[in-house]
């Protein structure tokens, strides 16, 4: 398979921080984000990965760095431990070629159980990606939830061990 996930350790935090700059810039078309005094976007996600509150995953396509995902493990309102995808990014050159699905597939296989993918509701391309891909990929019933203020869309589902077939 040409797609690999590499867990971010302390030596790779700066690489993830650089990729986060691209991601935040892209998302700023939906939600304006001011630069910090150093001319960079703030990236509190780096501290969360550094102290273990989140897991960073770098995506490699055919041996080249192509994107990242950030997953937090937390309890939901029902007490279930949920893998919560807050950021999921693949560089433009790798989109619409099936690599995003491969990336998601590898990510879900790493941690069977309950998952939530959250994104800005205004990100129509992202919402459509998850909406069309998740039921097909996971074979699970996927619940789509829009936040009361309409700003976020969440996709919630359960991944059963060995239910996902990687192409």
Foldseek 3Di string as FASTA:
>chain_A
DQKDKDKDDPVCLVVQQVQVQVVVVVCCVVPNFDADPVRTGDDCLSVCCHVVQKIKIFMGGNNHTFHIWIWGWDADPVRFTETETADTDGDPVPPPPCNSLLVVLVVCLVDFFKYKYKDFLVPVVVVVCCVPRVCVFQVWDWDWDAPPVRGMIMIITGHDHPSGDRD
